[in-house]
Every structure is written in C-alpha cells, then in structure tokens.
Amino acid sequence: DVKGRFTIARDNTKNILYLQMNSLK
C-alpha cells in the first residue's frame, strides 16, 4: 500500500506490472 510519488499496478489479464513514477528526482 504505497503512497507517495510512485504507484504500482498489476494487470492480471495481461501479466503486466506497471510502475508509475511522478515528481522524479
């Protein structure tokens, strides 16, 4: 349960994991 600049999500139908990274440093 990550909060902050990064968000993780998984598409189980496609077996894909995403990492959305915002406000990168």
PDB file of all heavy atoms in Angstrom:
ATOM      1  N   ASP A   1       0.873  -1.174   0.000  1.00  0.00           N
ATOM      2  CA  ASP A   1       0.000   0.000   0.000  1.00  0.00           C
ATOM      3  C   ASP A   1       0.910   1.223   0.000  1.00  0.00           C
ATOM      4  O   ASP A   1       1.121   1.861   1.027  1.00  0.00           O
ATOM      5  CB  ASP A   1      -0.915  -0.018   1.224  1.00  0.00           C
ATOM      6  CG  ASP A   1      -1.896   1.140   1.214  1.00  0.00           C
ATOM      7  OD1 ASP A   1      -2.113   1.727   0.131  1.00  0.00           O
ATOM      8  OD2 ASP A   1      -2.434   1.484   2.280  1.00  0.00           O
ATOM      9  N   VAL A   2       1.460   1.512  -1.186  1.00  0.00           N
ATOM     10  CA  VAL A   2       2.462   2.564  -1.279  1.00  0.00           C
ATOM     11  C   VAL A   2       1.794   3.895  -1.565  1.00  0.00           C
ATOM     12  O   VAL A   2       0.961   4.000  -2.453  1.00  0.00           O
ATOM     13  CB  VAL A   2       3.480   2.240  -2.400  1.00  0.00           C
ATOM     14  CG1 VAL A   2       4.487   3.357  -2.547  1.00  0.00           C
ATOM     15  CG2 VAL A   2       4.173   0.924  -2.089  1.00  0.00           C
ATOM     16  N   LYS A   3       2.161   4.873  -0.817  1.00  0.00           N
ATOM     17  CA  LYS A   3       1.675   6.218  -1.075  1.00  0.00           C
ATOM     18  C   LYS A   3       2.872   7.095  -1.394  1.00  0.00           C
ATOM     19  O   LYS A   3       3.973   6.847  -0.960  1.00  0.00           O
ATOM     20  CB  LYS A   3       0.936   6.753   0.145  1.00  0.00           C
ATOM     21  CG  LYS A   3      -0.318   5.993   0.490  1.00  0.00           C
ATOM     22  CD  LYS A   3      -1.015   6.601   1.688  1.00  0.00           C
ATOM     23  CE  LYS A   3      -2.331   5.899   1.953  1.00  0.00           C
ATOM     24  NZ  LYS A   3      -2.147   4.479   2.279  1.00  0.00           N
ATOM     25  N   GLY A   4       2.639   8.100  -2.161  1.00  0.00           N
ATOM     26  CA  GLY A   4       3.740   8.992  -2.473  1.00  0.00           C
ATOM     27  C   GLY A   4       3.894   9.178  -3.964  1.00  0.00           C
ATOM     28  O   GLY A   4       2.915   9.179  -4.703  1.00  0.00           O
ATOM     29  N   ARG A   5       5.127   9.296  -4.397  1.00  0.00           N
ATOM     30  CA  ARG A   5       5.397   9.641  -5.779  1.00  0.00           C
ATOM     31  C   ARG A   5       5.243   8.455  -6.730  1.00  0.00           C
ATOM     32  O   ARG A   5       5.015   8.645  -7.920  1.00  0.00           O
ATOM     33  CB  ARG A   5       6.811  10.211  -5.892  1.00  0.00           C
ATOM     34  CG  ARG A   5       7.014  11.478  -5.062  1.00  0.00           C
ATOM     35  CD  ARG A   5       8.433  12.023  -5.247  1.00  0.00           C
ATOM     36  NE  ARG A   5       9.438  11.121  -4.712  1.00  0.00           N
ATOM     37  CZ  ARG A   5      10.388  10.548  -5.453  1.00  0.00           C
ATOM     38  NH1 ARG A   5      10.455  10.769  -6.751  1.00  0.00           N
ATOM     39  NH2 ARG A   5      11.289   9.733  -4.886  1.00  0.00           N
ATOM     40  N   PHE A   6       5.385   7.257  -6.230  1.00  0.00           N
ATOM     41  CA  PHE A   6       5.351   6.060  -7.077  1.00  0.00           C
ATOM     42  C   PHE A   6       4.061   5.277  -6.835  1.00  0.00           C
ATOM     43  O   PHE A   6       3.625   5.119  -5.692  1.00  0.00           O
ATOM     44  CB  PHE A   6       6.551   5.156  -6.780  1.00  0.00           C
ATOM     45  CG  PHE A   6       7.881   5.736  -7.171  1.00  0.00           C
ATOM     46  CD1 PHE A   6       8.004   7.005  -7.702  1.00  0.00           C
ATOM     47  CD2 PHE A   6       9.039   4.993  -7.009  1.00  0.00           C
ATOM     48  CE1 PHE A   6       9.227   7.540  -8.066  1.00  0.00           C
ATOM     49  CE2 PHE A   6      10.273   5.503  -7.363  1.00  0.00           C
ATOM     50  CZ  PHE A   6      10.372   6.775  -7.890  1.00  0.00           C
ATOM     51  N   THR A   7       3.504   4.756  -7.907  1.00  0.00           N
ATOM     52  CA  THR A   7       2.308   3.934  -7.831  1.00  0.00           C
ATOM     53  C   THR A   7       2.546   2.649  -8.597  1.00  0.00           C
ATOM     54  O   THR A   7       3.002   2.682  -9.744  1.00  0.00           O
ATOM     55  CB  THR A   7       1.099   4.657  -8.426  1.00  0.00           C
ATOM     56  OG1 THR A   7       0.903   5.901  -7.755  1.00  0.00           O
ATOM     57  CG2 THR A   7      -0.159   3.804  -8.282  1.00  0.00           C
ATOM     58  N   ILE A   8       2.213   1.523  -7.990  1.00  0.00           N
ATOM     59  CA  ILE A   8       2.372   0.231  -8.634  1.00  0.00           C
ATOM     60  C   ILE A   8       0.995  -0.319  -8.963  1.00  0.00           C
ATOM     61  O   ILE A   8       0.035  -0.130  -8.215  1.00  0.00           O
ATOM     62  CB  ILE A   8       3.172  -0.740  -7.735  1.00  0.00           C
ATOM     63  CG1 ILE A   8       3.649  -1.959  -8.528  1.00  0.00           C
ATOM     64  CG2 ILE A   8       2.375  -1.149  -6.509  1.00  0.00           C
ATOM     65  CD1 ILE A   8       4.680  -2.791  -7.776  1.00  0.00           C
ATOM     66  N   ALA A   9       0.918  -0.988 -10.120  1.00  0.00           N
ATOM     67  CA  ALA A   9      -0.350  -1.593 -10.525  1.00  0.00           C
ATOM     68  C   ALA A   9      -0.050  -2.837 -11.343  1.00  0.00           C
ATOM     69  O   ALA A   9       0.963  -2.906 -12.043  1.00  0.00           O
ATOM     70  CB  ALA A   9      -1.181  -0.609 -11.332  1.00  0.00           C
ATOM     71  N   ARG A  10      -0.944  -3.796 -11.264  1.00  0.00           N
ATOM     72  CA  ARG A  10      -0.739  -5.056 -11.980  1.00  0.00           C
ATOM     73  C   ARG A  10      -1.987  -5.383 -12.783  1.00  0.00           C
ATOM     74  O   ARG A  10      -3.096  -5.356 -12.251  1.00  0.00           O
ATOM     75  CB  ARG A  10      -0.423  -6.174 -10.984  1.00  0.00           C
ATOM     76  CG  ARG A  10      -0.211  -7.549 -11.587  1.00  0.00           C
ATOM     77  CD  ARG A  10       0.248  -8.509 -10.501  1.00  0.00           C
ATOM     78  NE  ARG A  10      -0.191  -9.849 -10.757  1.00  0.00           N
ATOM     79  CZ  ARG A  10      -0.065 -10.859  -9.892  1.00  0.00           C
ATOM     80  NH1 ARG A  10       0.521 -10.656  -8.727  1.00  0.00           N
ATOM     81  NH2 ARG A  10      -0.500 -12.067 -10.188  1.00  0.00           N
ATOM     82  N   ASP A  11      -1.784  -5.679 -14.047  1.00  0.00           N
ATOM     83  CA  ASP A  11      -2.850  -6.136 -14.929  1.00  0.00           C
ATOM     84  C   ASP A  11      -2.780  -7.658 -14.986  1.00  0.00           C
ATOM     85  O   ASP A  11      -1.932  -8.226 -15.675  1.00  0.00           O
ATOM     86  CB  ASP A  11      -2.666  -5.523 -16.319  1.00  0.00           C
ATOM     87  CG  ASP A  11      -3.805  -5.878 -17.263  1.00  0.00           C
ATOM     88  OD1 ASP A  11      -4.459  -6.921 -17.061  1.00  0.00           O
ATOM     89  OD2 ASP A  11      -4.034  -5.106 -18.215  1.00  0.00           O
ATOM     90  N   ASN A  12      -3.675  -8.298 -14.263  1.00  0.00           N
ATOM     91  CA  ASN A  12      -3.620  -9.758 -14.174  1.00  0.00           C
ATOM     92  C   ASN A  12      -4.020 -10.452 -15.472  1.00  0.00           C
ATOM     93  O   ASN A  12      -3.611 -11.579 -15.730  1.00  0.00           O
ATOM     94  CB  ASN A  12      -4.510 -10.249 -13.042  1.00  0.00           C
ATOM     95  CG  ASN A  12      -3.966  -9.860 -11.685  1.00  0.00           C
ATOM     96  OD1 ASN A  12      -2.761  -9.873 -11.464  1.00  0.00           O
ATOM     97  ND2 ASN A  12      -4.845  -9.487 -10.773  1.00  0.00           N
ATOM     98  N   THR A  13      -4.799  -9.775 -16.293  1.00  0.00           N
ATOM     99  CA  THR A  13      -5.230 -10.394 -17.549  1.00  0.00           C
ATOM    100  C   THR A  13      -4.094 -10.454 -18.554  1.00  0.00           C
ATOM    101  O   THR A  13      -4.070 -11.320 -19.429  1.00  0.00           O
ATOM    102  CB  THR A  13      -6.406  -9.627 -18.154  1.00  0.00           C
ATOM    103  OG1 THR A  13      -5.989  -8.303 -18.471  1.00  0.00           O
ATOM    104  CG2 THR A  13      -7.569  -9.561 -17.171  1.00  0.00           C
ATOM    105  N   LYS A  14      -3.154  -9.509 -18.443  1.00  0.00           N
ATOM    106  CA  LYS A  14      -2.042  -9.450 -19.386  1.00  0.00           C
ATOM    107  C   LYS A  14      -0.712  -9.826 -18.751  1.00  0.00           C
ATOM    108  O   LYS A  14       0.318  -9.848 -19.437  1.00  0.00           O
ATOM    109  CB  LYS A  14      -1.931  -8.043 -19.984  1.00  0.00           C
ATOM    110  CG  LYS A  14      -3.163  -7.599 -20.753  1.00  0.00           C
ATOM    111  CD  LYS A  14      -2.973  -6.197 -21.291  1.00  0.00           C
ATOM    112  CE  LYS A  14      -4.198  -5.736 -22.054  1.00  0.00           C
ATOM    113  NZ  LYS A  14      -4.055  -4.346 -22.558  1.00  0.00           N
ATOM    114  N   ASN A  15      -0.723 -10.107 -17.452  1.00  0.00           N
ATOM    115  CA  ASN A  15       0.525 -10.417 -16.724  1.00  0.00           C
ATOM    116  C   ASN A  15       1.547  -9.280 -16.871  1.00  0.00           C
ATOM    117  O   ASN A  15       2.717  -9.518 -17.188  1.00  0.00           O
ATOM    118  CB  ASN A  15       1.127 -11.734 -17.197  1.00  0.00           C
ATOM    119  CG  ASN A  15       0.312 -12.931 -16.760  1.00  0.00           C
ATOM    120  OD1 ASN A  15      -0.307 -12.920 -15.699  1.00  0.00           O
ATOM    121  ND2 ASN A  15       0.299 -13.967 -17.582  1.00  0.00           N
ATOM    122  N   ILE A  16       1.086  -8.068 -16.675  1.00  0.00           N
ATOM    123  CA  ILE A  16       1.958  -6.909 -16.765  1.00  0.00           C
ATOM    124  C   ILE A  16       1.927  -6.146 -15.444  1.00  0.00           C
ATOM    125  O   ILE A  16       0.850  -5.916 -14.882  1.00  0.00           O
ATOM    126  CB  ILE A  16       1.553  -5.968 -17.902  1.00  0.00           C
ATOM    127  CG1 ILE A  16       1.661  -6.699 -19.246  1.00  0.00           C
ATOM    128  CG2 ILE A  16       2.454  -4.729 -17.922  1.00  0.00           C
ATOM    129  CD1 ILE A  16       1.207  -5.849 -20.431  1.00  0.00           C
ATOM    130  N   LEU A  17       3.101  -5.751 -15.000  1.00  0.00           N
ATOM    131  CA  LEU A  17       3.242  -4.927 -13.806  1.00  0.00           C
ATOM    132  C   LEU A  17       3.712  -3.552 -14.230  1.00  0.00           C
ATOM    133  O   LEU A  17       4.618  -3.434 -15.058  1.00  0.00           O
ATOM    134  CB  LEU A  17       4.254  -5.543 -12.847  1.00  0.00           C
ATOM    135  CG  LEU A  17       4.440  -4.843 -11.508  1.00  0.00           C
ATOM    136  CD1 LEU A  17       3.220  -5.050 -10.617  1.00  0.00           C
ATOM    137  CD2 LEU A  17       5.698  -5.340 -10.811  1.00  0.00           C
ATOM    138  N   TYR A  18       3.099  -2.530 -13.670  1.00  0.00           N
ATOM    139  CA  TYR A  18       3.456  -1.157 -14.006  1.00  0.00           C
ATOM    140  C   TYR A  18       4.017  -0.447 -12.772  1.00  0.00           C
ATOM    141  O   TYR A  18       3.666  -0.757 -11.638  1.00  0.00           O
ATOM    142  CB  TYR A  18       2.238  -0.380 -14.502  1.00  0.00           C
ATOM    143  CG  TYR A  18       1.587  -0.954 -15.734  1.00  0.00           C
ATOM    144  CD1 TYR A  18       0.455  -1.765 -15.638  1.00  0.00           C
ATOM    145  CD2 TYR A  18       2.105  -0.686 -16.999  1.00  0.00           C
ATOM    146  CE1 TYR A  18      -0.143  -2.286 -16.762  1.00  0.00           C
ATOM    147  CE2 TYR A  18       1.508  -1.200 -18.133  1.00  0.00           C
ATOM    148  CZ  TYR A  18       0.395  -2.001 -18.008  1.00  0.00           C
ATOM    149  OH  TYR A  18      -0.194  -2.519 -19.133  1.00  0.00           O
ATOM    150  N   LEU A  19       4.864   0.517 -13.052  1.00  0.00           N
ATOM    151  CA  LEU A  19       5.334   1.423 -12.008  1.00  0.00           C
ATOM    152  C   LEU A  19       5.225   2.837 -12.560  1.00  0.00           C
ATOM    153  O   LEU A  19       5.974   3.215 -13.458  1.00  0.00           O
ATOM    154  CB  LEU A  19       6.771   1.119 -11.592  1.00  0.00           C
ATOM    155  CG  LEU A  19       7.310   1.990 -10.450  1.00  0.00           C
ATOM    156  CD1 LEU A  19       6.571   1.661  -9.147  1.00  0.00           C
ATOM    157  CD2 LEU A  19       8.817   1.784 -10.266  1.00  0.00           C
ATOM    158  N   GLN A  20       4.287   3.576 -12.035  1.00  0.00           N
ATOM    159  CA  GLN A  20       4.119   4.980 -12.421  1.00  0.00           C
ATOM    160  C   GLN A  20       4.956   5.814 -11.467  1.00  0.00           C
ATOM    161  O   GLN A  20       4.751   5.756 -10.243  1.00  0.00           O
ATOM    162  CB  GLN A  20       2.654   5.394 -12.351  1.00  0.00           C
ATOM    163  CG  GLN A  20       2.403   6.856 -12.665  1.00  0.00           C
ATOM    164  CD  GLN A  20       2.703   7.198 -14.114  1.00  0.00           C
ATOM    165  OE1 GLN A  20       2.343   6.457 -15.025  1.00  0.00           O
ATOM    166  NE2 GLN A  20       3.366   8.337 -14.341  1.00  0.00           N
ATOM    167  N   MET A  21       5.885   6.565 -12.021  1.00  0.00           N
ATOM    168  CA  MET A  21       6.781   7.372 -11.207  1.00  0.00           C
ATOM    169  C   MET A  21       6.562   8.843 -11.543  1.00  0.00           C
ATOM    170  O   MET A  21       6.735   9.249 -12.694  1.00  0.00           O
ATOM    171  CB  MET A  21       8.241   6.974 -11.477  1.00  0.00           C
ATOM    172  CG  MET A  21       8.520   5.496 -11.260  1.00  0.00           C
ATOM    173  SD  MET A  21      10.256   5.062 -11.416  1.00  0.00           S
ATOM    174  CE  MET A  21      10.500   5.377 -13.160  1.00  0.00           C
ATOM    175  N   ASN A  22       6.164   9.603 -10.558  1.00  0.00           N
ATOM    176  CA  ASN A  22       5.904  11.032 -10.719  1.00  0.00           C
ATOM    177  C   ASN A  22       6.878  11.845  -9.890  1.00  0.00           C
ATOM    178  O   ASN A  22       7.497  11.336  -8.951  1.00  0.00           O
ATOM    179  CB  ASN A  22       4.466  11.348 -10.314  1.00  0.00           C
ATOM    180  CG  ASN A  22       3.441  10.618 -11.148  1.00  0.00           C
ATOM    181  OD1 ASN A  22       3.616  10.414 -12.355  1.00  0.00           O
ATOM    182  ND2 ASN A  22       2.359  10.218 -10.515  1.00  0.00           N
ATOM    183  N   SER A  23       6.993  13.109 -10.227  1.00  0.00           N
ATOM    184  CA  SER A  23       7.861  14.041  -9.485  1.00  0.00           C
ATOM    185  C   SER A  23       9.253  13.438  -9.280  1.00  0.00           C
ATOM    186  O   SER A  23       9.787  13.426  -8.163  1.00  0.00           O
ATOM    187  CB  SER A  23       7.232  14.397  -8.133  1.00  0.00           C
ATOM    188  OG  SER A  23       5.957  14.971  -8.307  1.00  0.00           O
ATOM    189  N   LEU A  24       9.814  12.961 -10.349  1.00  0.00           N
ATOM    190  CA  LEU A  24      11.089  12.271 -10.248  1.00  0.00           C
ATOM    191  C   LEU A  24      12.204  13.200  -9.807  1.00  0.00           C
ATOM    192  O   LEU A  24      12.205  14.403 -10.128  1.00  0.00           O
ATOM    193  CB  LEU A  24      11.441  11.616 -11.588  1.00  0.00           C
ATOM    194  CG  LEU A  24      10.670  10.321 -11.857  1.00  0.00           C
ATOM    195  CD1 LEU A  24      10.704   9.966 -13.335  1.00  0.00           C
ATOM    196  CD2 LEU A  24      11.243   9.192 -11.024  1.00  0.00           C
ATOM    197  N   LYS A  25      13.137  12.622  -9.054  1.00  0.00           N
ATOM    198  CA  LYS A  25      14.277  13.357  -8.518  1.00  0.00           C
ATOM    199  C   LYS A  25      15.570  12.725  -9.042  1.00  0.00           C
ATOM    200  O   LYS A  25      15.589  11.530  -9.374  1.00  0.00           O
ATOM    201  CB  LYS A  25      14.261  13.298  -6.991  1.00  0.00           C
ATOM    202  CG  LYS A  25      12.980  13.812  -6.359  1.00  0.00           C
ATOM    203  CD  LYS A  25      12.999  13.613  -4.858  1.00  0.00           C
ATOM    204  CE  LYS A  25      11.700  14.099  -4.223  1.00  0.00           C
ATOM    205  NZ  LYS A  25      11.708  13.907  -2.749  1.00  0.00           N
TER     206      LYS A  25
END
